Amino acid sequence: MRTESEEPVSSPYRFQASRGVPTLLTLGLILSLVTVTACHREPTRSGLVAINGTVLVDDTPASGVTLTLHPVDNQGVYANGTTDDQGNLVVSTYDLGDGAVSGTYQVSFTWGEFDPVSRSMTDDRLGGRYEVAKDSGIVWEIEPDQTFQAGTIELKSNR
């Protein structure tokens, strides 16, 4: 039993809340970050379909033609592409050349020059006739699990 004149006994093992709480909070934060980081996964990108085809403008393979695949139902994933030096399609959804998600698409095409000053495309050499997907007349039905053969797409220039 302690009397009023006695001093409380100080112990080196006594819990000091002011130092222990921040340490526990820091430990909890670190564990939370590790858990969130360990559980994070890239979104699934399976089901992409490769697309093969060639674009000719006025019967000549055209380099730098850009195309956009517009989902007909407006619910799907858009894909974009361009043509290489031989007019071959390179279609991408997430990564360069990875293809497109299966579905039905209206396809638009433009063939402009890149202006580095305005950082935009200018002067569509196709005269805008394929720029609006619903008016281009080109519809692709891309089936899952097989390469889509677009064939030869023949476009006319603005001459």
N, C-alpha and C. Protein backbone atom coordinates (compact mmCIF):
# COMPACT_ATOMS: atom_id res chain seq x y z
N MET A 1 0.83 -1.17 0.00
CA MET A 1 0.00 0.00 0.00
C MET A 1 0.88 1.23 0.00
N ARG A 2 0.44 2.23 -0.69
CA ARG A 2 1.25 3.41 -0.88
C ARG A 2 0.65 4.57 -0.10
N THR A 3 1.51 5.34 0.46
CA THR A 3 1.05 6.54 1.16
C THR A 3 1.24 7.73 0.26
N GLU A 4 0.65 8.86 0.64
CA GLU A 4 0.73 10.05 -0.20
C GLU A 4 2.13 10.59 -0.30
N SER A 5 2.97 10.32 0.60
CA SER A 5 4.32 10.87 0.57
C SER A 5 5.26 10.07 -0.32
N GLU A 6 4.86 8.88 -0.70
CA GLU A 6 5.74 8.06 -1.53
C GLU A 6 5.61 8.47 -3.00
N GLU A 7 6.72 8.45 -3.69
CA GLU A 7 6.76 8.74 -5.13
C GLU A 7 6.38 7.47 -5.88
N PRO A 8 5.69 7.60 -7.01
CA PRO A 8 5.39 6.42 -7.80
C PRO A 8 6.68 5.82 -8.34
N VAL A 9 6.70 4.53 -8.45
CA VAL A 9 7.89 3.83 -8.94
C VAL A 9 7.90 3.93 -10.46
N SER A 10 9.03 4.34 -11.01
CA SER A 10 9.18 4.46 -12.45
C SER A 10 9.82 3.18 -12.97
N SER A 11 9.28 2.63 -14.04
CA SER A 11 9.81 1.40 -14.60
C SER A 11 10.25 1.65 -16.03
N PRO A 12 11.40 1.11 -16.44
CA PRO A 12 11.83 1.27 -17.83
C PRO A 12 10.95 0.48 -18.79
N TYR A 13 10.14 -0.44 -18.30
CA TYR A 13 9.30 -1.29 -19.15
C TYR A 13 7.88 -0.77 -19.29
N ARG A 14 7.65 0.38 -18.80
CA ARG A 14 6.32 0.95 -18.83
C ARG A 14 5.94 1.36 -20.26
N PHE A 15 4.70 1.06 -20.71
CA PHE A 15 4.22 1.42 -22.05
C PHE A 15 4.01 2.92 -22.12
N GLN A 16 4.61 3.53 -23.11
CA GLN A 16 4.45 4.96 -23.29
C GLN A 16 3.62 5.18 -24.56
N ALA A 17 2.38 5.51 -24.36
CA ALA A 17 1.45 5.63 -25.48
C ALA A 17 1.90 6.65 -26.51
N SER A 18 2.53 7.71 -26.06
CA SER A 18 2.91 8.76 -27.01
C SER A 18 3.94 8.26 -28.02
N ARG A 19 4.78 7.30 -27.64
CA ARG A 19 5.76 6.76 -28.58
C ARG A 19 5.23 5.52 -29.29
N GLY A 20 4.37 4.74 -28.67
CA GLY A 20 3.90 3.48 -29.24
C GLY A 20 2.84 3.64 -30.31
N VAL A 21 1.96 4.61 -30.19
CA VAL A 21 0.87 4.78 -31.14
C VAL A 21 1.38 5.14 -32.53
N PRO A 22 2.28 6.13 -32.68
CA PRO A 22 2.78 6.41 -34.03
C PRO A 22 3.49 5.20 -34.64
N THR A 23 4.20 4.44 -33.85
CA THR A 23 4.90 3.27 -34.36
C THR A 23 3.89 2.24 -34.85
N LEU A 24 2.83 2.01 -34.11
CA LEU A 24 1.79 1.07 -34.53
C LEU A 24 1.07 1.56 -35.78
N LEU A 25 0.81 2.86 -35.85
CA LEU A 25 0.16 3.42 -37.05
C LEU A 25 1.05 3.26 -38.28
N THR A 26 2.33 3.52 -38.12
CA THR A 26 3.28 3.37 -39.23
C THR A 26 3.33 1.92 -39.68
N LEU A 27 3.41 0.99 -38.74
CA LEU A 27 3.44 -0.43 -39.08
C LEU A 27 2.15 -0.83 -39.80
N GLY A 28 1.02 -0.36 -39.33
CA GLY A 28 -0.25 -0.66 -39.98
C GLY A 28 -0.32 -0.12 -41.40
N LEU A 29 0.19 1.09 -41.59
CA LEU A 29 0.21 1.70 -42.92
C LEU A 29 1.09 0.90 -43.86
N ILE A 30 2.25 0.50 -43.41
CA ILE A 30 3.17 -0.29 -44.24
C ILE A 30 2.52 -1.61 -44.62
N LEU A 31 1.90 -2.29 -43.67
CA LEU A 31 1.24 -3.56 -43.98
C LEU A 31 0.09 -3.37 -44.97
N SER A 32 -0.65 -2.28 -44.84
CA SER A 32 -1.74 -1.99 -45.78
C SER A 32 -1.21 -1.77 -47.19
N LEU A 33 -0.14 -1.01 -47.32
CA LEU A 33 0.44 -0.75 -48.63
C LEU A 33 0.97 -2.02 -49.27
N VAL A 34 1.62 -2.86 -48.48
CA VAL A 34 2.14 -4.13 -49.01
C VAL A 34 0.98 -5.00 -49.49
N THR A 35 -0.09 -5.05 -48.74
CA THR A 35 -1.25 -5.86 -49.12
C THR A 35 -1.88 -5.34 -50.40
N VAL A 36 -2.09 -4.03 -50.51
CA VAL A 36 -2.69 -3.45 -51.71
C VAL A 36 -1.79 -3.67 -52.92
N THR A 37 -0.50 -3.47 -52.77
CA THR A 37 0.44 -3.66 -53.87
C THR A 37 0.47 -5.11 -54.31
N ALA A 38 0.46 -6.03 -53.38
CA ALA A 38 0.51 -7.45 -53.71
C ALA A 38 -0.76 -7.91 -54.42
N CYS A 39 -1.88 -7.29 -54.14
CA CYS A 39 -3.15 -7.70 -54.74
C CYS A 39 -3.42 -7.02 -56.08
N HIS A 40 -2.67 -5.98 -56.43
CA HIS A 40 -2.90 -5.25 -57.68
C HIS A 40 -2.50 -6.10 -58.88
N ARG A 41 -3.38 -6.18 -59.87
CA ARG A 41 -3.08 -6.91 -61.09
C ARG A 41 -3.47 -6.05 -62.28
N GLU A 42 -2.77 -6.26 -63.39
CA GLU A 42 -3.12 -5.57 -64.63
C GLU A 42 -4.49 -6.06 -65.09
N PRO A 43 -5.26 -5.18 -65.75
CA PRO A 43 -6.54 -5.63 -66.27
C PRO A 43 -6.33 -6.71 -67.32
N THR A 44 -7.28 -7.62 -67.42
CA THR A 44 -7.17 -8.71 -68.38
C THR A 44 -7.29 -8.14 -69.78
N ARG A 45 -6.35 -8.53 -70.61
CA ARG A 45 -6.35 -8.06 -71.99
C ARG A 45 -6.45 -9.23 -72.95
N SER A 46 -6.98 -10.33 -72.47
CA SER A 46 -7.12 -11.49 -73.33
C SER A 46 -8.28 -11.26 -74.29
N GLY A 47 -8.33 -12.05 -75.32
CA GLY A 47 -9.42 -11.94 -76.28
C GLY A 47 -9.16 -10.97 -77.40
N LEU A 48 -7.96 -10.40 -77.48
CA LEU A 48 -7.65 -9.50 -78.60
C LEU A 48 -7.41 -10.33 -79.86
N VAL A 49 -7.87 -9.81 -80.97
CA VAL A 49 -7.78 -10.50 -82.25
C VAL A 49 -6.83 -9.74 -83.16
N ALA A 50 -5.85 -10.45 -83.72
CA ALA A 50 -4.92 -9.84 -84.67
C ALA A 50 -5.69 -9.48 -85.95
N ILE A 51 -5.27 -8.41 -86.60
CA ILE A 51 -5.93 -7.96 -87.83
C ILE A 51 -4.89 -7.84 -88.93
N ASN A 52 -5.14 -8.51 -90.05
CA ASN A 52 -4.26 -8.42 -91.21
C ASN A 52 -5.01 -7.75 -92.35
N GLY A 53 -4.30 -6.92 -93.08
CA GLY A 53 -4.90 -6.28 -94.24
C GLY A 53 -3.97 -5.23 -94.81
N THR A 54 -4.31 -4.75 -95.98
CA THR A 54 -3.51 -3.75 -96.67
C THR A 54 -4.42 -2.64 -97.16
N VAL A 55 -3.92 -1.42 -97.05
CA VAL A 55 -4.67 -0.26 -97.54
C VAL A 55 -4.00 0.26 -98.81
N LEU A 56 -4.80 0.38 -99.86
CA LEU A 56 -4.34 0.99 -101.11
C LEU A 56 -5.10 2.29 -101.30
N VAL A 57 -4.39 3.31 -101.68
CA VAL A 57 -5.03 4.57 -102.07
C VAL A 57 -4.70 4.78 -103.53
N ASP A 58 -5.73 4.86 -104.35
CA ASP A 58 -5.57 4.97 -105.80
C ASP A 58 -4.67 3.85 -106.33
N ASP A 59 -4.93 2.63 -105.87
CA ASP A 59 -4.24 1.40 -106.30
C ASP A 59 -2.78 1.32 -105.89
N THR A 60 -2.35 2.15 -104.94
CA THR A 60 -0.96 2.15 -104.47
C THR A 60 -0.94 1.95 -102.95
N PRO A 61 -0.05 1.07 -102.42
CA PRO A 61 0.05 0.92 -100.96
C PRO A 61 0.33 2.27 -100.32
N ALA A 62 -0.43 2.59 -99.27
CA ALA A 62 -0.35 3.91 -98.65
C ALA A 62 0.22 3.81 -97.24
N SER A 63 1.26 4.58 -96.99
CA SER A 63 1.89 4.64 -95.67
C SER A 63 1.29 5.79 -94.86
N GLY A 64 1.02 5.54 -93.58
CA GLY A 64 0.55 6.60 -92.70
C GLY A 64 -0.94 6.85 -92.69
N VAL A 65 -1.72 5.96 -93.31
CA VAL A 65 -3.17 6.09 -93.22
C VAL A 65 -3.56 5.68 -91.80
N THR A 66 -4.38 6.50 -91.15
CA THR A 66 -4.83 6.15 -89.79
C THR A 66 -6.27 5.64 -89.86
N LEU A 67 -6.58 4.69 -89.01
CA LEU A 67 -7.91 4.14 -88.96
C LEU A 67 -8.37 4.03 -87.52
N THR A 68 -9.67 4.10 -87.34
CA THR A 68 -10.27 3.91 -86.02
C THR A 68 -11.42 2.94 -86.17
N LEU A 69 -11.47 1.95 -85.27
CA LEU A 69 -12.55 0.99 -85.23
C LEU A 69 -13.55 1.47 -84.18
N HIS A 70 -14.77 1.79 -84.63
CA HIS A 70 -15.83 2.32 -83.77
C HIS A 70 -16.82 1.19 -83.49
N PRO A 71 -16.98 0.76 -82.23
CA PRO A 71 -17.96 -0.30 -81.93
C PRO A 71 -19.37 0.14 -82.35
N VAL A 72 -20.06 -0.71 -83.10
CA VAL A 72 -21.40 -0.38 -83.59
C VAL A 72 -22.36 -0.17 -82.43
N ASP A 73 -22.21 -0.95 -81.35
CA ASP A 73 -23.12 -0.82 -80.21
C ASP A 73 -22.73 0.30 -79.25
N ASN A 74 -21.66 1.01 -79.55
CA ASN A 74 -21.15 2.10 -78.72
C ASN A 74 -20.81 1.66 -77.29
N GLN A 75 -20.72 0.37 -77.05
CA GLN A 75 -20.40 -0.15 -75.72
C GLN A 75 -19.02 -0.79 -75.68
N GLY A 76 -18.45 -1.10 -76.81
CA GLY A 76 -17.18 -1.82 -76.86
C GLY A 76 -15.98 -0.91 -76.70
N VAL A 77 -14.83 -1.49 -77.00
CA VAL A 77 -13.56 -0.80 -76.87
C VAL A 77 -13.11 -0.35 -78.26
N TYR A 78 -12.78 0.91 -78.39
CA TYR A 78 -12.27 1.43 -79.66
C TYR A 78 -10.86 0.92 -79.88
N ALA A 79 -10.49 0.76 -81.15
CA ALA A 79 -9.12 0.41 -81.51
C ALA A 79 -8.67 1.41 -82.56
N ASN A 80 -7.37 1.63 -82.63
CA ASN A 80 -6.80 2.57 -83.59
C ASN A 80 -5.67 1.88 -84.33
N GLY A 81 -5.32 2.43 -85.46
CA GLY A 81 -4.22 1.85 -86.20
C GLY A 81 -3.66 2.80 -87.22
N THR A 82 -2.66 2.29 -87.89
CA THR A 82 -2.03 3.03 -88.98
C THR A 82 -1.49 2.02 -89.97
N THR A 83 -1.01 2.50 -91.09
CA THR A 83 -0.41 1.60 -92.07
C THR A 83 1.09 1.85 -92.13
N ASP A 84 1.83 0.76 -92.38
CA ASP A 84 3.29 0.87 -92.50
C ASP A 84 3.66 1.28 -93.93
N ASP A 85 4.94 1.22 -94.25
CA ASP A 85 5.41 1.67 -95.57
C ASP A 85 4.85 0.85 -96.73
N GLN A 86 4.43 -0.39 -96.47
CA GLN A 86 3.85 -1.23 -97.52
C GLN A 86 2.32 -1.20 -97.52
N GLY A 87 1.73 -0.35 -96.67
CA GLY A 87 0.28 -0.25 -96.59
C GLY A 87 -0.36 -1.28 -95.68
N ASN A 88 0.46 -2.07 -94.96
CA ASN A 88 -0.07 -3.09 -94.05
C ASN A 88 -0.63 -2.46 -92.78
N LEU A 89 -1.75 -2.99 -92.33
CA LEU A 89 -2.40 -2.48 -91.12
C LEU A 89 -1.63 -2.85 -89.86
N VAL A 90 -1.54 -1.91 -88.93
CA VAL A 90 -1.03 -2.16 -87.58
C VAL A 90 -2.11 -1.61 -86.65
N VAL A 91 -2.94 -2.52 -86.11
CA VAL A 91 -4.09 -2.13 -85.29
C VAL A 91 -3.78 -2.39 -83.82
N SER A 92 -4.12 -1.42 -82.99
CA SER A 92 -3.78 -1.48 -81.56
C SER A 92 -4.98 -1.09 -80.70
N THR A 93 -5.11 -1.79 -79.56
CA THR A 93 -6.11 -1.43 -78.56
C THR A 93 -5.43 -0.94 -77.30
N TYR A 94 -4.51 -1.75 -76.75
CA TYR A 94 -3.79 -1.38 -75.53
C TYR A 94 -2.31 -1.15 -75.81
N ASP A 95 -1.71 -2.04 -76.59
CA ASP A 95 -0.30 -1.97 -76.93
C ASP A 95 -0.15 -1.99 -78.44
N LEU A 96 0.96 -1.48 -78.93
CA LEU A 96 1.20 -1.40 -80.37
C LEU A 96 1.05 -2.76 -81.05
N GLY A 97 0.12 -2.83 -81.99
CA GLY A 97 -0.05 -4.03 -82.80
C GLY A 97 -0.75 -5.18 -82.12
N ASP A 98 -1.41 -4.94 -80.98
CA ASP A 98 -2.03 -6.06 -80.26
C ASP A 98 -3.40 -6.46 -80.82
N GLY A 99 -3.94 -5.72 -81.77
CA GLY A 99 -5.20 -6.09 -82.39
C GLY A 99 -6.40 -5.39 -81.78
N ALA A 100 -7.57 -6.03 -81.91
CA ALA A 100 -8.82 -5.44 -81.43
C ALA A 100 -9.64 -6.49 -80.70
N VAL A 101 -10.56 -6.03 -79.88
CA VAL A 101 -11.50 -6.91 -79.20
C VAL A 101 -12.52 -7.37 -80.24
N SER A 102 -12.98 -8.62 -80.14
CA SER A 102 -13.97 -9.10 -81.09
C SER A 102 -15.25 -8.27 -80.99
N GLY A 103 -15.94 -8.15 -82.12
CA GLY A 103 -17.16 -7.36 -82.16
C GLY A 103 -17.39 -6.80 -83.55
N THR A 104 -18.43 -6.00 -83.68
CA THR A 104 -18.76 -5.37 -84.96
C THR A 104 -18.34 -3.90 -84.90
N TYR A 105 -17.61 -3.48 -85.92
CA TYR A 105 -17.06 -2.13 -85.95
C TYR A 105 -17.36 -1.45 -87.27
N GLN A 106 -17.63 -0.15 -87.20
CA GLN A 106 -17.59 0.71 -88.37
C GLN A 106 -16.19 1.31 -88.36
N VAL A 107 -15.57 1.38 -89.54
CA VAL A 107 -14.16 1.79 -89.61
C VAL A 107 -14.04 3.11 -90.34
N SER A 108 -13.29 4.03 -89.73
CA SER A 108 -13.02 5.32 -90.37
C SER A 108 -11.54 5.40 -90.74
N PHE A 109 -11.25 6.14 -91.81
CA PHE A 109 -9.88 6.30 -92.29
C PHE A 109 -9.60 7.78 -92.56
N THR A 110 -8.40 8.21 -92.24
CA THR A 110 -7.90 9.53 -92.64
C THR A 110 -6.45 9.36 -93.07
N TRP A 111 -5.99 10.29 -93.88
CA TRP A 111 -4.61 10.22 -94.37
C TRP A 111 -4.08 11.64 -94.44
N GLY A 112 -3.62 12.12 -93.33
CA GLY A 112 -3.16 13.49 -93.24
C GLY A 112 -1.67 13.60 -93.01
N GLU A 113 -1.25 14.82 -92.91
CA GLU A 113 0.14 15.14 -92.58
C GLU A 113 0.17 15.61 -91.13
N PHE A 114 1.18 15.20 -90.38
CA PHE A 114 1.30 15.63 -88.99
C PHE A 114 2.00 16.98 -88.96
N ASP A 115 1.36 17.97 -88.32
CA ASP A 115 1.93 19.30 -88.16
C ASP A 115 2.52 19.39 -86.75
N PRO A 116 3.87 19.41 -86.63
CA PRO A 116 4.48 19.43 -85.30
C PRO A 116 4.20 20.70 -84.51
N VAL A 117 3.91 21.80 -85.19
CA VAL A 117 3.63 23.06 -84.49
C VAL A 117 2.29 22.97 -83.76
N SER A 118 1.24 22.55 -84.48
CA SER A 118 -0.09 22.43 -83.85
C SER A 118 -0.29 21.08 -83.19
N ARG A 119 0.63 20.16 -83.42
CA ARG A 119 0.56 18.79 -82.91
C ARG A 119 -0.77 18.13 -83.28
N SER A 120 -1.12 18.27 -84.56
CA SER A 120 -2.36 17.67 -85.05
C SER A 120 -2.18 17.26 -86.50
N MET A 121 -3.13 16.46 -86.97
CA MET A 121 -3.12 16.04 -88.37
C MET A 121 -3.83 17.10 -89.20
N THR A 122 -3.30 17.36 -90.37
CA THR A 122 -3.89 18.35 -91.27
C THR A 122 -4.04 17.77 -92.66
N ASP A 123 -4.84 18.40 -93.47
CA ASP A 123 -4.96 18.09 -94.89
C ASP A 123 -5.21 16.60 -95.17
N ASP A 124 -6.44 16.13 -94.91
CA ASP A 124 -6.79 14.74 -95.19
C ASP A 124 -6.77 14.52 -96.70
N ARG A 125 -5.81 13.73 -97.15
CA ARG A 125 -5.65 13.46 -98.58
C ARG A 125 -6.75 12.56 -99.13
N LEU A 126 -7.63 12.07 -98.24
CA LEU A 126 -8.78 11.28 -98.68
C LEU A 126 -10.03 12.15 -98.81
N GLY A 127 -9.86 13.45 -98.59
CA GLY A 127 -10.96 14.40 -98.75
C GLY A 127 -12.06 14.27 -97.72
N GLY A 128 -11.81 13.57 -96.62
CA GLY A 128 -12.80 13.43 -95.57
C GLY A 128 -13.89 12.41 -95.87
N ARG A 129 -13.82 11.73 -97.02
CA ARG A 129 -14.91 10.82 -97.40
C ARG A 129 -14.98 9.56 -96.56
N TYR A 130 -13.90 9.21 -95.84
CA TYR A 130 -13.90 8.02 -94.98
C TYR A 130 -13.74 8.40 -93.50
N GLU A 131 -13.81 9.69 -93.20
CA GLU A 131 -13.52 10.20 -91.86
C GLU A 131 -14.62 9.89 -90.85
N VAL A 132 -15.87 9.89 -91.28
CA VAL A 132 -17.00 9.59 -90.39
C VAL A 132 -17.32 8.10 -90.55
N ALA A 133 -17.18 7.36 -89.45
CA ALA A 133 -17.29 5.90 -89.51
C ALA A 133 -18.60 5.42 -90.13
N LYS A 134 -19.71 6.00 -89.73
CA LYS A 134 -21.01 5.53 -90.24
C LYS A 134 -21.19 5.83 -91.72
N ASP A 135 -20.40 6.78 -92.26
CA ASP A 135 -20.50 7.13 -93.67
C ASP A 135 -19.43 6.47 -94.53
N SER A 136 -18.46 5.79 -93.91
CA SER A 136 -17.35 5.23 -94.68
C SER A 136 -17.78 4.01 -95.49
N GLY A 137 -18.84 3.33 -95.05
CA GLY A 137 -19.30 2.14 -95.76
C GLY A 137 -18.48 0.90 -95.43
N ILE A 138 -17.58 1.00 -94.47
CA ILE A 138 -16.73 -0.14 -94.13
C ILE A 138 -17.11 -0.64 -92.74
N VAL A 139 -17.58 -1.89 -92.68
CA VAL A 139 -17.99 -2.53 -91.43
C VAL A 139 -17.23 -3.84 -91.31
N TRP A 140 -16.62 -4.06 -90.15
CA TRP A 140 -15.89 -5.31 -89.89
C TRP A 140 -16.57 -6.07 -88.77
N GLU A 141 -16.79 -7.36 -88.98
CA GLU A 141 -17.30 -8.27 -87.95
C GLU A 141 -16.11 -9.13 -87.52
N ILE A 142 -15.53 -8.79 -86.37
CA ILE A 142 -14.32 -9.47 -85.90
C ILE A 142 -14.74 -10.57 -84.93
N GLU A 143 -14.47 -11.81 -85.33
CA GLU A 143 -14.82 -12.98 -84.53
C GLU A 143 -13.71 -13.27 -83.52
N PRO A 144 -14.07 -13.82 -82.36
CA PRO A 144 -13.04 -14.14 -81.36
C PRO A 144 -12.18 -15.33 -81.80
N ASP A 145 -10.99 -15.39 -81.25
CA ASP A 145 -10.10 -16.55 -81.38
C ASP A 145 -9.62 -16.86 -82.79
N GLN A 146 -9.60 -15.88 -83.66
CA GLN A 146 -9.01 -16.10 -84.98
C GLN A 146 -8.52 -14.76 -85.52
N THR A 147 -7.53 -14.81 -86.39
CA THR A 147 -7.02 -13.59 -87.01
C THR A 147 -8.07 -13.06 -87.98
N PHE A 148 -8.34 -11.77 -87.91
CA PHE A 148 -9.30 -11.15 -88.82
C PHE A 148 -8.58 -10.76 -90.10
N GLN A 149 -9.08 -11.23 -91.22
CA GLN A 149 -8.51 -10.90 -92.52
C GLN A 149 -9.32 -9.77 -93.14
N ALA A 150 -8.77 -8.56 -93.06
CA ALA A 150 -9.46 -7.40 -93.62
C ALA A 150 -9.32 -7.34 -95.13
N GLY A 151 -8.36 -8.08 -95.66
CA GLY A 151 -8.14 -8.08 -97.10
C GLY A 151 -7.50 -6.78 -97.57
N THR A 152 -7.78 -6.42 -98.80
CA THR A 152 -7.26 -5.18 -99.37
C THR A 152 -8.37 -4.13 -99.32
N ILE A 153 -8.07 -3.04 -98.65
CA ILE A 153 -9.03 -1.94 -98.53
C ILE A 153 -8.64 -0.90 -99.57
N GLU A 154 -9.51 -0.67 -100.54
CA GLU A 154 -9.20 0.27 -101.61
C GLU A 154 -9.91 1.59 -101.36
N LEU A 155 -9.11 2.63 -101.17
CA LEU A 155 -9.63 3.97 -100.91
C LEU A 155 -9.24 4.89 -102.07
N LYS A 156 -9.98 5.96 -102.22
CA LYS A 156 -9.70 6.96 -103.26
C LYS A 156 -9.22 8.25 -102.62
N SER A 157 -8.22 8.86 -103.23
CA SER A 157 -7.68 10.11 -102.70
C SER A 157 -8.55 11.28 -103.13
N ASN A 158 -8.14 12.45 -102.70
CA ASN A 158 -8.86 13.68 -102.97
C ASN A 158 -8.36 14.36 -104.23
N ARG A 159 -8.00 13.61 -105.25
CA ARG A 159 -7.52 14.27 -106.46
C ARG A 159 -8.59 14.40 -107.49
